[in-house]
N, C-alpha and C. Protein backbone atom coordinates (compact mmCIF):
# COMPACT_ATOMS: atom_id res chain seq x y z
N UNK A 1 1.02 -61.66 -16.27
CA UNK A 1 0.52 -62.78 -17.00
C UNK A 1 0.96 -63.15 -17.96
N UNK A 2 1.46 -64.77 -18.44
CA UNK A 2 1.94 -64.78 -19.33
C UNK A 2 1.39 -65.48 -20.18
N UNK A 3 1.52 -65.86 -21.61
CA UNK A 3 1.41 -66.01 -22.76
C UNK A 3 2.37 -66.85 -23.55
N UNK A 4 1.73 -67.93 -24.28
CA UNK A 4 2.73 -68.37 -25.40
C UNK A 4 1.42 -68.75 -26.74
N UNK A 5 1.85 -68.69 -27.67
CA UNK A 5 0.66 -69.14 -28.73
C UNK A 5 0.91 -70.63 -29.20
N UNK A 6 0.33 -71.34 -29.73
CA UNK A 6 0.09 -72.73 -30.48
C UNK A 6 0.76 -73.12 -30.67
N UNK A 7 1.61 -74.08 -31.32
CA UNK A 7 2.98 -73.91 -32.08
C UNK A 7 3.00 -75.13 -32.96
N UNK A 8 1.28 -75.32 -33.61
CA UNK A 8 1.06 -77.24 -33.78
C UNK A 8 1.26 -78.09 -33.20
N UNK A 9 1.03 -77.84 -32.04
CA UNK A 9 1.43 -78.78 -30.42
C UNK A 9 -0.22 -79.56 -30.94
N UNK A 10 -0.21 -81.22 -30.78
CA UNK A 10 -0.85 -81.97 -31.05
C UNK A 10 -1.86 -81.97 -28.93
N UNK A 11 -1.17 -81.98 -28.32
CA UNK A 11 -2.07 -82.00 -27.88
C UNK A 11 -1.71 -81.24 -26.29
N UNK A 12 -2.40 -81.37 -25.15
CA UNK A 12 -1.78 -80.31 -24.16
C UNK A 12 -0.68 -81.16 -23.45
N UNK A 13 -0.72 -82.37 -22.93
CA UNK A 13 0.76 -82.60 -23.40
C UNK A 13 1.61 -82.49 -23.66
N UNK A 14 1.80 -82.39 -25.19
CA UNK A 14 2.83 -81.84 -25.90
C UNK A 14 2.91 -80.58 -25.80
N UNK A 15 1.86 -79.53 -25.63
CA UNK A 15 2.33 -77.97 -24.91
C UNK A 15 2.76 -77.83 -23.50
N UNK A 16 2.26 -79.09 -22.48
CA UNK A 16 3.00 -78.66 -21.48
C UNK A 16 4.60 -79.12 -21.41
N UNK A 17 5.40 -80.27 -22.52
CA UNK A 17 6.10 -80.74 -22.60
C UNK A 17 7.37 -79.38 -23.13
N UNK A 18 6.61 -78.93 -24.12
CA UNK A 18 7.33 -78.04 -24.75
C UNK A 18 7.18 -76.48 -23.73
N UNK A 19 5.96 -75.88 -23.36
CA UNK A 19 6.47 -74.92 -22.50
C UNK A 19 6.87 -74.97 -21.57
N UNK A 20 6.29 -76.67 -20.12
CA UNK A 20 7.12 -76.79 -19.06
C UNK A 20 8.76 -76.96 -18.76
N UNK A 21 9.04 -77.87 -20.21
CA UNK A 21 10.09 -79.27 -20.13
C UNK A 21 9.53 -80.43 -19.27
N UNK A 22 8.09 -80.87 -19.37
CA UNK A 22 7.74 -82.00 -18.32
C UNK A 22 7.07 -82.74 -19.54
N UNK A 23 8.10 -83.99 -19.32
CA UNK A 23 7.14 -85.56 -20.78
C UNK A 23 5.87 -86.09 -19.68
N UNK A 24 5.48 -86.24 -20.64
CA UNK A 24 4.45 -86.58 -20.31
C UNK A 24 4.88 -88.19 -19.13
N UNK A 25 3.54 -87.78 -17.87
CA UNK A 25 3.89 -89.46 -16.52
C UNK A 25 5.72 -88.20 -15.78
N UNK A 26 5.94 -87.34 -15.57
CA UNK A 26 7.14 -86.40 -14.83
C UNK A 26 6.61 -85.84 -14.21
N UNK A 27 6.88 -85.71 -12.78
CA UNK A 27 6.67 -85.30 -11.57
C UNK A 27 5.96 -83.89 -12.13
N UNK A 28 4.50 -84.09 -11.87
CA UNK A 28 4.22 -81.88 -11.54
C UNK A 28 3.36 -81.87 -14.15
N UNK A 29 3.89 -82.76 -14.56
CA UNK A 29 3.13 -82.68 -15.78
C UNK A 29 1.51 -82.71 -16.04
N UNK A 30 1.27 -83.52 -14.94
CA UNK A 30 -0.82 -83.67 -15.12
C UNK A 30 -0.94 -82.80 -14.39
N UNK A 31 -0.57 -82.25 -13.01
CA UNK A 31 -0.93 -80.50 -12.59
C UNK A 31 -0.58 -79.45 -13.59
N UNK A 32 0.39 -79.59 -14.29
CA UNK A 32 0.27 -78.09 -15.88
C UNK A 32 -0.96 -78.36 -16.63
N UNK A 33 -0.83 -79.71 -16.80
CA UNK A 33 -1.70 -80.09 -17.25
C UNK A 33 -3.02 -79.51 -17.10
N UNK A 34 -3.73 -79.46 -16.01
CA UNK A 34 -4.69 -79.30 -15.16
C UNK A 34 -5.41 -78.08 -15.35
N UNK A 35 -3.94 -77.71 -15.28
CA UNK A 35 -3.67 -76.15 -14.71
C UNK A 35 -4.12 -75.55 -16.73
N UNK A 36 -3.69 -75.84 -17.30
CA UNK A 36 -3.85 -74.90 -18.08
C UNK A 36 -5.05 -75.56 -19.36
N UNK A 37 -5.95 -76.51 -19.03
CA UNK A 37 -6.99 -76.72 -19.22
C UNK A 37 -8.12 -75.56 -18.51
N UNK A 38 -8.00 -75.97 -17.27
CA UNK A 38 -8.43 -74.91 -16.79
C UNK A 38 -8.40 -73.46 -16.93
N UNK A 39 -7.31 -72.76 -17.28
CA UNK A 39 -7.36 -71.90 -17.38
C UNK A 39 -7.86 -71.29 -19.03
N UNK A 40 -7.56 -72.21 -20.10
CA UNK A 40 -7.72 -72.91 -20.94
C UNK A 40 -8.65 -73.72 -21.80
N UNK A 41 -10.17 -73.27 -21.54
CA UNK A 41 -11.11 -74.41 -21.71
C UNK A 41 -10.73 -75.05 -23.73
N UNK A 42 -10.62 -73.96 -24.29
CA UNK A 42 -10.72 -74.05 -25.76
C UNK A 42 -9.65 -75.20 -26.05
N UNK A 43 -8.49 -75.66 -24.65
CA UNK A 43 -7.42 -76.20 -25.66
C UNK A 43 -8.01 -77.83 -25.30
N UNK A 44 -9.90 -78.24 -25.13
CA UNK A 44 -9.86 -79.44 -24.90
C UNK A 44 -10.13 -79.62 -26.72
N UNK A 45 -9.94 -78.42 -27.55
CA UNK A 45 -9.94 -79.31 -29.42
C UNK A 45 -8.78 -78.68 -29.26
N UNK A 46 -7.32 -78.76 -28.60
CA UNK A 46 -6.40 -78.01 -29.16
C UNK A 46 -5.58 -78.89 -30.51
N UNK A 47 -6.46 -79.84 -31.24
CA UNK A 47 -5.74 -80.15 -32.16
C UNK A 47 -6.51 -79.53 -33.42
N UNK A 48 -7.82 -78.96 -32.98
CA UNK A 48 -8.54 -78.30 -34.12
C UNK A 48 -8.42 -76.52 -34.02
N UNK A 49 -7.41 -76.33 -33.12
CA UNK A 49 -7.17 -74.67 -33.25
C UNK A 49 -5.89 -74.48 -33.75
N UNK A 50 -5.91 -73.26 -34.41
CA UNK A 50 -4.49 -72.55 -35.87
C UNK A 50 -3.21 -72.68 -35.11
N UNK A 51 -2.20 -72.87 -34.97
CA UNK A 51 -1.28 -71.88 -35.31
C UNK A 51 -1.20 -70.60 -34.69
N UNK A 52 -0.67 -69.75 -33.80
CA UNK A 52 -0.60 -68.88 -33.10
C UNK A 52 -1.76 -68.80 -31.91
N UNK A 53 -2.85 -69.49 -31.90
CA UNK A 53 -3.79 -69.29 -30.95
C UNK A 53 -3.31 -69.37 -29.24
N UNK A 54 -3.78 -68.28 -28.87
CA UNK A 54 -3.14 -67.39 -27.39
C UNK A 54 -3.32 -68.15 -26.47
N UNK A 55 -2.47 -68.71 -25.75
CA UNK A 55 -2.84 -69.70 -24.22
C UNK A 55 -2.53 -69.12 -23.30
N UNK A 56 -3.07 -68.90 -22.06
CA UNK A 56 -2.68 -68.40 -20.67
C UNK A 56 -2.12 -69.35 -19.94
N UNK A 57 -0.96 -69.08 -19.87
CA UNK A 57 0.09 -69.81 -18.69
C UNK A 57 -0.40 -69.18 -16.91
N UNK A 58 -1.23 -70.21 -16.13
CA UNK A 58 -1.14 -69.94 -15.05
C UNK A 58 -0.64 -70.17 -14.15
N UNK A 59 0.01 -69.66 -12.90
CA UNK A 59 0.39 -69.76 -12.11
C UNK A 59 0.40 -70.83 -11.47
N UNK A 60 1.49 -72.15 -11.55
CA UNK A 60 1.69 -73.67 -11.14
C UNK A 60 2.80 -73.08 -9.95
N UNK A 61 2.47 -73.67 -8.99
CA UNK A 61 3.16 -73.87 -7.82
C UNK A 61 4.28 -74.79 -8.05
N UNK A 62 5.73 -74.25 -7.89
CA UNK A 62 6.53 -75.03 -7.86
C UNK A 62 7.29 -76.16 -9.57
N UNK A 63 6.28 -74.96 -10.39
CA UNK A 63 6.77 -75.38 -11.97
C UNK A 63 7.17 -73.90 -12.73
N UNK A 64 8.09 -74.01 -13.55
CA UNK A 64 8.49 -73.00 -13.98
C UNK A 64 8.06 -73.07 -15.29
N UNK A 65 7.81 -72.08 -15.61
CA UNK A 65 7.73 -72.20 -17.66
C UNK A 65 9.78 -71.55 -17.82
N UNK A 66 9.60 -72.10 -19.60
CA UNK A 66 10.81 -71.99 -20.39
C UNK A 66 10.62 -70.72 -20.63
N UNK A 67 11.68 -70.08 -21.03
CA UNK A 67 12.41 -69.30 -21.64
C UNK A 67 11.32 -68.85 -22.70
N UNK A 68 10.68 -69.95 -23.32
CA UNK A 68 9.59 -69.43 -24.62
C UNK A 68 8.15 -69.12 -24.40
N UNK A 69 8.09 -68.70 -23.20
CA UNK A 69 6.68 -67.90 -22.42
C UNK A 69 7.67 -66.21 -22.88
N UNK A 70 6.15 -65.74 -22.75
CA UNK A 70 6.35 -64.62 -23.03
C UNK A 70 5.45 -63.12 -21.76
N UNK A 71 6.00 -62.40 -21.66
CA UNK A 71 4.90 -61.57 -21.01
C UNK A 71 4.17 -60.73 -21.72
N UNK A 72 2.83 -60.45 -21.11
CA UNK A 72 1.84 -59.71 -22.00
C UNK A 72 2.71 -58.18 -22.27
N UNK A 73 3.41 -57.51 -23.15
CA UNK A 73 3.67 -56.29 -23.10
C UNK A 73 2.54 -55.23 -23.14
N UNK A 74 1.69 -55.17 -23.59
CA UNK A 74 0.51 -54.42 -22.73
C UNK A 74 0.07 -54.38 -20.97
N UNK A 75 0.70 -55.08 -20.18
CA UNK A 75 0.36 -55.59 -18.57
C UNK A 75 0.66 -54.52 -17.92
N UNK A 76 2.20 -53.59 -18.36
CA UNK A 76 2.40 -52.58 -17.48
C UNK A 76 1.64 -51.46 -17.90
N UNK A 77 0.71 -50.94 -19.23
CA UNK A 77 0.26 -50.16 -19.97
C UNK A 77 -1.15 -50.23 -19.02
N UNK A 78 -1.89 -51.41 -19.09
CA UNK A 78 -2.99 -51.30 -18.61
C UNK A 78 -3.30 -51.36 -16.74
N UNK A 79 -2.27 -51.65 -16.31
CA UNK A 79 -1.75 -51.44 -15.14
C UNK A 79 -1.98 -50.61 -14.30
N UNK A 80 -1.06 -49.61 -15.41
CA UNK A 80 -0.51 -47.92 -15.14
C UNK A 80 -2.18 -46.96 -14.86
N UNK A 81 -2.72 -47.67 -16.22
CA UNK A 81 -3.91 -46.90 -17.03
C UNK A 81 -5.23 -47.11 -16.18
N UNK A 82 -5.18 -48.49 -15.29
CA UNK A 82 -6.49 -48.69 -14.55
C UNK A 82 -6.01 -47.79 -13.44
N UNK A 83 -4.86 -47.80 -12.58
CA UNK A 83 -4.08 -47.24 -11.46
C UNK A 83 -4.71 -45.79 -11.70
N UNK A 84 -4.25 -44.90 -12.24
CA UNK A 84 -4.19 -44.06 -12.39
C UNK A 84 -5.99 -43.40 -12.94
N UNK A 85 -6.77 -44.06 -13.04
CA UNK A 85 -7.96 -44.17 -13.30
C UNK A 85 -8.18 -44.30 -12.56
N UNK A 86 -8.25 -45.02 -11.44
CA UNK A 86 -8.77 -45.34 -9.84
C UNK A 86 -8.29 -43.75 -9.09
N UNK A 87 -7.53 -43.05 -9.23
CA UNK A 87 -6.74 -42.24 -8.29
C UNK A 87 -7.83 -40.97 -9.24
N UNK A 88 -7.65 -40.59 -9.72
CA UNK A 88 -8.44 -40.17 -10.92
C UNK A 88 -9.83 -39.59 -10.37
N UNK A 89 -10.29 -40.15 -10.14
CA UNK A 89 -12.10 -40.41 -10.08
C UNK A 89 -12.58 -39.30 -8.72
N UNK A 90 -12.90 -38.23 -8.91
CA UNK A 90 -13.44 -37.09 -8.34
C UNK A 90 -14.14 -37.29 -7.64
N UNK A 91 -13.97 -37.19 -6.34
CA UNK A 91 -15.56 -36.89 -5.50
C UNK A 91 -15.96 -35.49 -5.17
N UNK A 92 -16.94 -35.27 -5.54
CA UNK A 92 -17.67 -33.37 -5.44
C UNK A 92 -17.86 -33.23 -4.63
N UNK A 93 -17.36 -32.67 -3.87
CA UNK A 93 -18.13 -32.57 -2.43
C UNK A 93 -18.40 -30.28 -1.93
N UNK A 94 -19.09 -30.31 -1.34
CA UNK A 94 -18.58 -28.69 -1.44
C UNK A 94 -18.23 -28.27 -0.31
N UNK A 95 -17.47 -26.70 -0.75
CA UNK A 95 -16.19 -27.09 0.13
C UNK A 95 -16.24 -26.71 1.74
N UNK A 96 -16.16 -27.52 2.71
CA UNK A 96 -16.32 -27.86 4.42
C UNK A 96 -16.50 -28.81 4.30
N UNK A 97 -17.89 -29.72 2.83
CA UNK A 97 -18.55 -30.74 3.46
C UNK A 97 -17.98 -31.98 3.18
N UNK A 98 -17.96 -33.42 3.60
CA UNK A 98 -17.82 -34.62 3.51
C UNK A 98 -18.09 -34.62 1.83
N UNK A 99 -17.05 -36.07 1.24
CA UNK A 99 -18.00 -36.48 -0.37
C UNK A 99 -19.03 -37.26 0.42
N UNK A 100 -20.13 -37.10 -0.41
CA UNK A 100 -21.02 -38.41 -0.44
C UNK A 100 -20.29 -39.45 -0.35
N UNK A 101 -21.53 -40.53 0.77
CA UNK A 101 -21.12 -41.41 1.05
C UNK A 101 -20.86 -42.26 0.50
N UNK A 102 -22.09 -42.48 -0.88
CA UNK A 102 -22.28 -43.42 -2.05
C UNK A 102 -21.38 -43.58 -2.19
N UNK A 103 -20.83 -42.11 -3.14
CA UNK A 103 -20.09 -42.00 -4.06
C UNK A 103 -18.83 -42.42 -3.11
N UNK A 104 -18.00 -41.82 -2.38
CA UNK A 104 -16.87 -42.96 -0.86
C UNK A 104 -16.80 -44.21 -1.78
N UNK A 105 -18.28 -44.68 -1.32
CA UNK A 105 -17.85 -46.25 -1.55
C UNK A 105 -17.50 -46.88 -2.70
N UNK A 106 -18.25 -46.40 -3.48
CA UNK A 106 -18.07 -46.96 -4.98
C UNK A 106 -16.13 -46.36 -5.68
N UNK A 107 -15.90 -45.40 -5.19
CA UNK A 107 -14.55 -45.40 -5.58
C UNK A 107 -13.94 -46.10 -4.51
N UNK A 108 -13.50 -45.87 -3.24
CA UNK A 108 -13.22 -47.32 -2.48
C UNK A 108 -13.44 -48.24 -3.41
N UNK A 109 -14.32 -49.00 -3.48
CA UNK A 109 -14.63 -50.60 -4.71
C UNK A 109 -13.24 -50.33 -5.75
N UNK A 110 -13.20 -49.27 -6.47
CA UNK A 110 -12.64 -49.22 -7.27
C UNK A 110 -11.43 -49.17 -7.40
N UNK A 111 -11.13 -48.81 -6.53
CA UNK A 111 -9.58 -48.67 -5.83
C UNK A 111 -9.14 -50.01 -5.57
N UNK A 112 -10.03 -50.42 -4.73
CA UNK A 112 -9.53 -51.87 -4.18
C UNK A 112 -10.24 -53.41 -5.03
N UNK A 113 -10.68 -52.72 -5.94
CA UNK A 113 -11.20 -53.67 -7.45
C UNK A 113 -9.55 -53.57 -8.27
N UNK A 114 -9.06 -52.57 -8.46
CA UNK A 114 -7.82 -52.30 -8.95
C UNK A 114 -6.71 -52.98 -8.49
N UNK A 115 -6.45 -52.91 -7.35
CA UNK A 115 -4.98 -52.87 -6.43
C UNK A 115 -5.13 -54.27 -6.36
N UNK A 116 -6.32 -55.12 -6.46
CA UNK A 116 -6.36 -56.64 -6.41
C UNK A 116 -6.12 -57.09 -7.72
N UNK A 117 -6.41 -56.83 -9.00
CA UNK A 117 -6.11 -56.52 -10.12
C UNK A 117 -4.73 -56.60 -10.10
N UNK A 118 -4.24 -55.86 -10.15
CA UNK A 118 -2.84 -55.20 -10.41
C UNK A 118 -2.05 -56.38 -9.35
N UNK A 119 -2.39 -56.98 -8.44
CA UNK A 119 -1.55 -57.74 -7.56
C UNK A 119 -1.42 -58.98 -8.00
N UNK A 120 -2.95 -59.26 -8.92
CA UNK A 120 -2.98 -60.53 -9.53
C UNK A 120 -2.08 -60.93 -10.72
N UNK A 121 -2.59 -59.74 -11.67
CA UNK A 121 -1.74 -60.15 -12.93
C UNK A 121 -0.74 -59.21 -13.10
N UNK A 122 -0.25 -58.34 -12.25
CA UNK A 122 1.24 -57.33 -11.94
C UNK A 122 2.45 -58.34 -12.16
N UNK A 123 3.83 -58.28 -12.15
CA UNK A 123 5.13 -59.12 -11.82
C UNK A 123 5.65 -59.38 -10.82
């Protein structure tokens, strides 16, 4: 996941220009603006938001953010922790018997959810 902080951006169009280098009316500017608003509903009142307000940058096909974009520094730690948690869930079973089907289903669901999360928000 990537994000930026507001830097006195007066409008979402100004933010798109700063982050994506797309001037209003340029190809892709409207798509980028719509994606930003969908991912950040708080931007509908951008003029009232303080400098430093975090903004999630959604992935927009064919549009690449500028170098001003930062990756979330906590992402790697979070994904590692989640994956470790999913792998460490014990499945109690008596020796020679199968794990409880309900517990097995819950662990499988957890591992699937963590994998989906990592796929969506990983590098």
